[in-house]
Amino acid sequence: MEVPQLSDLDGLPIEVVPADEPGVVSMTARANDGSGVTLTWDEIAGAVHVRWTEANKERLPLERETVSKVSVREEHGQIEFWVWSDADGLGGQLIVRVGEHVRVSDALLRK
């Protein structure tokens, strides 16, 4: 599983928290509307957990296994979490954009 180096995340408007477990990192981005998105990756398990909260209530939990790559970037004033997965003839791309609001795009298609 390919993930960003923690030093590559310096300067981004996110909170990065490495866990006590090796290969586990959580990061949180806040939207201008007050909602937040926390993405946690586990390199050893090849998995990602995304949790979107609004007014301290969980709005959308997402789990991904067989993750091949995670990317975190800032584009046009918003944070973008990209997660690619690949297994058994299926390819997936999950994109979570955190800016003025939170937007989620999720596709899992046959290859």
N, C-alpha and C. Protein backbone atom coordinates (compact mmCIF):
# COMPACT_ATOMS: atom_id res chain seq x y z
N MET A 1 0.86 -1.17 0.00
CA MET A 1 0.00 0.00 0.00
C MET A 1 0.90 1.24 0.00
N GLU A 2 0.67 2.10 -0.96
CA GLU A 2 1.47 3.32 -1.08
C GLU A 2 0.75 4.46 -0.35
N VAL A 3 1.45 5.09 0.57
CA VAL A 3 0.88 6.21 1.34
C VAL A 3 1.88 7.37 1.34
N PRO A 4 1.40 8.58 1.60
CA PRO A 4 2.33 9.72 1.66
C PRO A 4 3.27 9.60 2.86
N GLN A 5 4.46 10.15 2.70
CA GLN A 5 5.34 10.32 3.85
C GLN A 5 4.74 11.39 4.74
N LEU A 6 4.86 11.24 6.05
CA LEU A 6 4.28 12.24 6.95
C LEU A 6 4.87 13.62 6.70
N SER A 7 6.12 13.68 6.31
CA SER A 7 6.74 14.99 6.02
C SER A 7 6.10 15.66 4.80
N ASP A 8 5.51 14.86 3.89
CA ASP A 8 4.82 15.43 2.73
C ASP A 8 3.53 16.12 3.12
N LEU A 9 3.02 15.83 4.31
CA LEU A 9 1.76 16.41 4.77
C LEU A 9 1.97 17.72 5.54
N ASP A 10 3.24 18.03 5.85
CA ASP A 10 3.54 19.29 6.53
C ASP A 10 3.04 20.46 5.70
N GLY A 11 2.44 21.42 6.35
CA GLY A 11 1.96 22.60 5.65
C GLY A 11 0.54 22.49 5.14
N LEU A 12 -0.02 21.28 5.13
CA LEU A 12 -1.42 21.12 4.74
C LEU A 12 -2.32 21.47 5.93
N PRO A 13 -3.49 22.04 5.69
CA PRO A 13 -4.38 22.40 6.80
C PRO A 13 -5.15 21.19 7.34
N ILE A 14 -4.39 20.21 7.84
CA ILE A 14 -4.97 19.01 8.43
C ILE A 14 -4.24 18.70 9.73
N GLU A 15 -4.91 17.94 10.59
CA GLU A 15 -4.29 17.46 11.82
C GLU A 15 -3.88 16.02 11.59
N VAL A 16 -2.58 15.72 11.73
CA VAL A 16 -2.05 14.38 11.50
C VAL A 16 -1.67 13.78 12.84
N VAL A 17 -2.16 12.55 13.11
CA VAL A 17 -1.89 11.89 14.38
C VAL A 17 -1.44 10.45 14.11
N PRO A 18 -0.13 10.17 14.21
CA PRO A 18 0.32 8.78 14.10
C PRO A 18 -0.15 7.99 15.32
N ALA A 19 -0.59 6.77 15.10
CA ALA A 19 -1.06 5.92 16.19
C ALA A 19 0.12 5.20 16.84
N ASP A 20 -0.15 4.54 17.96
CA ASP A 20 0.88 3.75 18.62
C ASP A 20 1.22 2.51 17.81
N GLU A 21 0.27 2.03 17.01
CA GLU A 21 0.50 0.84 16.18
C GLU A 21 1.33 1.23 14.96
N PRO A 22 2.28 0.38 14.56
CA PRO A 22 3.09 0.70 13.38
C PRO A 22 2.21 0.74 12.13
N GLY A 23 2.47 1.73 11.27
CA GLY A 23 1.77 1.82 9.99
C GLY A 23 0.38 2.40 10.05
N VAL A 24 -0.07 2.86 11.22
CA VAL A 24 -1.42 3.43 11.35
C VAL A 24 -1.31 4.93 11.58
N VAL A 25 -1.99 5.70 10.73
CA VAL A 25 -1.97 7.16 10.81
C VAL A 25 -3.39 7.67 10.59
N SER A 26 -3.79 8.66 11.40
CA SER A 26 -5.09 9.33 11.23
C SER A 26 -4.85 10.79 10.90
N MET A 27 -5.73 11.33 10.09
CA MET A 27 -5.67 12.76 9.79
C MET A 27 -7.08 13.30 9.66
N THR A 28 -7.26 14.54 10.09
CA THR A 28 -8.57 15.18 10.08
C THR A 28 -8.49 16.50 9.35
N ALA A 29 -9.47 16.72 8.47
CA ALA A 29 -9.63 17.99 7.77
C ALA A 29 -10.99 18.56 8.13
N ARG A 30 -11.07 19.86 8.28
CA ARG A 30 -12.32 20.54 8.65
C ARG A 30 -12.83 21.37 7.49
N ALA A 31 -14.13 21.24 7.22
CA ALA A 31 -14.78 22.05 6.19
C ALA A 31 -15.19 23.39 6.79
N ASN A 32 -15.42 24.36 5.93
CA ASN A 32 -15.85 25.68 6.39
C ASN A 32 -17.22 25.65 7.05
N ASP A 33 -18.04 24.65 6.73
CA ASP A 33 -19.37 24.54 7.34
C ASP A 33 -19.34 23.87 8.71
N GLY A 34 -18.13 23.53 9.22
CA GLY A 34 -18.00 22.95 10.54
C GLY A 34 -17.92 21.44 10.57
N SER A 35 -18.22 20.77 9.47
CA SER A 35 -18.12 19.32 9.45
C SER A 35 -16.65 18.92 9.32
N GLY A 36 -16.37 17.66 9.62
CA GLY A 36 -15.00 17.18 9.57
C GLY A 36 -14.91 15.80 8.96
N VAL A 37 -13.77 15.50 8.39
CA VAL A 37 -13.51 14.18 7.82
C VAL A 37 -12.20 13.67 8.42
N THR A 38 -12.27 12.46 8.99
CA THR A 38 -11.06 11.80 9.49
C THR A 38 -10.79 10.58 8.63
N LEU A 39 -9.59 10.51 8.09
CA LEU A 39 -9.14 9.35 7.32
C LEU A 39 -8.05 8.67 8.12
N THR A 40 -8.19 7.36 8.29
CA THR A 40 -7.18 6.56 8.99
C THR A 40 -6.72 5.46 8.06
N TRP A 41 -5.40 5.35 7.87
CA TRP A 41 -4.91 4.23 7.08
C TRP A 41 -4.14 3.28 7.95
N ASP A 42 -4.15 2.01 7.54
CA ASP A 42 -3.41 0.94 8.20
C ASP A 42 -2.61 0.25 7.10
N GLU A 43 -1.33 0.56 7.03
CA GLU A 43 -0.48 0.01 5.97
C GLU A 43 -0.38 -1.50 6.04
N ILE A 44 -0.31 -2.06 7.23
CA ILE A 44 -0.15 -3.51 7.38
C ILE A 44 -1.40 -4.24 6.91
N ALA A 45 -2.57 -3.75 7.27
CA ALA A 45 -3.84 -4.37 6.87
C ALA A 45 -4.24 -3.99 5.45
N GLY A 46 -3.63 -2.96 4.88
CA GLY A 46 -4.01 -2.49 3.55
C GLY A 46 -5.43 -1.94 3.54
N ALA A 47 -5.76 -1.20 4.60
CA ALA A 47 -7.14 -0.73 4.78
C ALA A 47 -7.18 0.75 5.11
N VAL A 48 -8.33 1.36 4.81
CA VAL A 48 -8.59 2.77 5.11
C VAL A 48 -9.98 2.88 5.71
N HIS A 49 -10.10 3.73 6.72
CA HIS A 49 -11.40 4.06 7.33
C HIS A 49 -11.59 5.57 7.19
N VAL A 50 -12.75 5.97 6.66
CA VAL A 50 -13.10 7.39 6.53
C VAL A 50 -14.35 7.64 7.36
N ARG A 51 -14.31 8.70 8.14
CA ARG A 51 -15.46 9.05 9.00
C ARG A 51 -15.77 10.53 8.80
N TRP A 52 -16.98 10.79 8.29
CA TRP A 52 -17.45 12.16 8.08
C TRP A 52 -18.41 12.49 9.20
N THR A 53 -18.12 13.55 9.95
CA THR A 53 -18.98 13.96 11.06
C THR A 53 -19.49 15.38 10.82
N GLU A 54 -20.68 15.60 11.34
CA GLU A 54 -21.31 16.92 11.25
C GLU A 54 -22.04 17.16 12.55
N ALA A 55 -21.77 18.27 13.21
CA ALA A 55 -22.39 18.60 14.51
C ALA A 55 -22.19 17.46 15.51
N ASN A 56 -20.96 16.92 15.53
CA ASN A 56 -20.58 15.83 16.44
C ASN A 56 -21.38 14.55 16.24
N LYS A 57 -22.01 14.40 15.07
CA LYS A 57 -22.73 13.16 14.74
C LYS A 57 -22.12 12.56 13.49
N GLU A 58 -22.00 11.24 13.50
CA GLU A 58 -21.44 10.56 12.34
C GLU A 58 -22.43 10.63 11.18
N ARG A 59 -21.96 11.18 10.08
CA ARG A 59 -22.82 11.31 8.90
C ARG A 59 -22.58 10.17 7.92
N LEU A 60 -21.30 9.78 7.74
CA LEU A 60 -20.99 8.73 6.78
C LEU A 60 -19.70 8.02 7.18
N PRO A 61 -19.79 6.73 7.53
CA PRO A 61 -18.57 5.94 7.73
C PRO A 61 -18.29 5.11 6.48
N LEU A 62 -17.04 5.04 6.07
CA LEU A 62 -16.65 4.23 4.92
C LEU A 62 -15.44 3.39 5.29
N GLU A 63 -15.46 2.14 4.87
CA GLU A 63 -14.34 1.23 5.09
C GLU A 63 -13.85 0.73 3.74
N ARG A 64 -12.55 0.66 3.55
CA ARG A 64 -11.97 0.11 2.34
C ARG A 64 -10.86 -0.85 2.71
N GLU A 65 -10.91 -2.02 2.09
CA GLU A 65 -9.80 -2.98 2.20
C GLU A 65 -9.20 -3.14 0.81
N THR A 66 -8.15 -3.89 0.71
CA THR A 66 -7.39 -4.06 -0.53
C THR A 66 -7.00 -2.72 -1.15
N VAL A 67 -6.62 -1.78 -0.30
CA VAL A 67 -6.21 -0.45 -0.76
C VAL A 67 -4.81 -0.54 -1.35
N SER A 68 -4.64 0.06 -2.53
CA SER A 68 -3.32 0.05 -3.17
C SER A 68 -2.58 1.37 -2.97
N LYS A 69 -3.35 2.48 -2.84
CA LYS A 69 -2.69 3.78 -2.73
C LYS A 69 -3.60 4.78 -2.03
N VAL A 70 -2.97 5.68 -1.25
CA VAL A 70 -3.66 6.80 -0.61
C VAL A 70 -2.90 8.07 -0.97
N SER A 71 -3.64 9.10 -1.34
CA SER A 71 -3.04 10.40 -1.65
C SER A 71 -3.79 11.47 -0.88
N VAL A 72 -3.05 12.43 -0.35
CA VAL A 72 -3.63 13.57 0.36
C VAL A 72 -3.02 14.82 -0.25
N ARG A 73 -3.89 15.72 -0.72
CA ARG A 73 -3.37 16.92 -1.38
C ARG A 73 -4.30 18.11 -1.15
N GLU A 74 -3.77 19.27 -1.42
CA GLU A 74 -4.59 20.48 -1.37
C GLU A 74 -4.74 20.99 -2.80
N GLU A 75 -5.98 21.13 -3.24
CA GLU A 75 -6.28 21.61 -4.58
C GLU A 75 -7.38 22.66 -4.50
N HIS A 76 -7.16 23.81 -5.09
CA HIS A 76 -8.18 24.86 -5.17
C HIS A 76 -8.79 25.19 -3.81
N GLY A 77 -7.95 25.28 -2.78
CA GLY A 77 -8.42 25.68 -1.46
C GLY A 77 -9.16 24.61 -0.69
N GLN A 78 -9.05 23.36 -1.12
CA GLN A 78 -9.69 22.27 -0.38
C GLN A 78 -8.73 21.10 -0.25
N ILE A 79 -8.95 20.30 0.77
CA ILE A 79 -8.17 19.07 0.97
C ILE A 79 -8.86 17.96 0.20
N GLU A 80 -8.06 17.13 -0.47
CA GLU A 80 -8.59 15.98 -1.18
C GLU A 80 -7.92 14.72 -0.66
N PHE A 81 -8.74 13.77 -0.22
CA PHE A 81 -8.28 12.44 0.13
C PHE A 81 -8.64 11.52 -1.04
N TRP A 82 -7.66 10.86 -1.62
CA TRP A 82 -7.89 9.91 -2.71
C TRP A 82 -7.48 8.53 -2.22
N VAL A 83 -8.33 7.54 -2.45
CA VAL A 83 -8.05 6.16 -2.04
C VAL A 83 -8.35 5.25 -3.22
N TRP A 84 -7.33 4.49 -3.65
CA TRP A 84 -7.50 3.52 -4.74
C TRP A 84 -7.49 2.12 -4.15
N SER A 85 -8.39 1.27 -4.63
CA SER A 85 -8.40 -0.13 -4.20
C SER A 85 -8.44 -1.02 -5.43
N ASP A 86 -7.95 -2.25 -5.25
CA ASP A 86 -7.81 -3.16 -6.38
C ASP A 86 -7.88 -4.59 -5.87
N ALA A 87 -8.89 -5.36 -6.33
CA ALA A 87 -8.99 -6.75 -5.90
C ALA A 87 -9.93 -7.53 -6.81
N ASP A 88 -9.53 -8.73 -7.15
CA ASP A 88 -10.38 -9.69 -7.86
C ASP A 88 -11.14 -9.09 -9.04
N GLY A 89 -10.44 -8.38 -9.91
CA GLY A 89 -11.06 -7.83 -11.10
C GLY A 89 -11.87 -6.57 -10.88
N LEU A 90 -11.83 -6.03 -9.67
CA LEU A 90 -12.54 -4.78 -9.38
C LEU A 90 -11.53 -3.69 -9.04
N GLY A 91 -11.81 -2.50 -9.51
CA GLY A 91 -10.97 -1.36 -9.18
C GLY A 91 -11.83 -0.26 -8.61
N GLY A 92 -11.36 0.36 -7.55
CA GLY A 92 -12.15 1.39 -6.90
C GLY A 92 -11.38 2.68 -6.71
N GLN A 93 -12.14 3.77 -6.69
CA GLN A 93 -11.55 5.08 -6.42
C GLN A 93 -12.53 5.85 -5.54
N LEU A 94 -12.08 6.18 -4.34
CA LEU A 94 -12.85 6.97 -3.39
C LEU A 94 -12.17 8.33 -3.29
N ILE A 95 -12.95 9.39 -3.50
CA ILE A 95 -12.41 10.75 -3.39
C ILE A 95 -13.28 11.52 -2.41
N VAL A 96 -12.64 12.09 -1.39
CA VAL A 96 -13.34 12.92 -0.42
C VAL A 96 -12.72 14.31 -0.47
N ARG A 97 -13.54 15.30 -0.79
CA ARG A 97 -13.08 16.69 -0.87
C ARG A 97 -13.63 17.47 0.31
N VAL A 98 -12.74 18.17 1.00
CA VAL A 98 -13.12 18.93 2.19
C VAL A 98 -12.72 20.39 1.95
N GLY A 99 -13.72 21.24 1.77
CA GLY A 99 -13.48 22.66 1.52
C GLY A 99 -14.57 23.48 2.18
N GLU A 100 -15.36 24.15 1.36
CA GLU A 100 -16.53 24.86 1.89
C GLU A 100 -17.47 23.87 2.56
N HIS A 101 -17.66 22.72 1.89
CA HIS A 101 -18.47 21.61 2.39
C HIS A 101 -17.69 20.33 2.15
N VAL A 102 -18.26 19.19 2.49
CA VAL A 102 -17.65 17.89 2.21
C VAL A 102 -18.39 17.27 1.02
N ARG A 103 -17.61 16.74 0.08
CA ARG A 103 -18.18 16.02 -1.06
C ARG A 103 -17.48 14.67 -1.18
N VAL A 104 -18.26 13.63 -1.47
CA VAL A 104 -17.73 12.28 -1.57
C VAL A 104 -18.08 11.70 -2.93
N SER A 105 -17.10 11.10 -3.58
CA SER A 105 -17.29 10.39 -4.84
C SER A 105 -16.70 9.00 -4.64
N ASP A 106 -17.48 7.97 -4.95
CA ASP A 106 -17.04 6.59 -4.70
C ASP A 106 -17.44 5.73 -5.89
N ALA A 107 -16.47 5.08 -6.51
CA ALA A 107 -16.74 4.20 -7.65
C ALA A 107 -16.01 2.89 -7.44
N LEU A 108 -16.70 1.78 -7.68
CA LEU A 108 -16.11 0.45 -7.65
C LEU A 108 -16.59 -0.25 -8.91
N LEU A 109 -15.68 -0.49 -9.85
CA LEU A 109 -16.06 -0.98 -11.17
C LEU A 109 -15.23 -2.19 -11.57
N ARG A 110 -15.79 -3.01 -12.47
CA ARG A 110 -15.03 -4.13 -13.02
C ARG A 110 -13.92 -3.58 -13.89
N LYS A 111 -12.80 -4.29 -13.87
CA LYS A 111 -11.66 -3.86 -14.70
C LYS A 111 -11.72 -4.54 -16.05
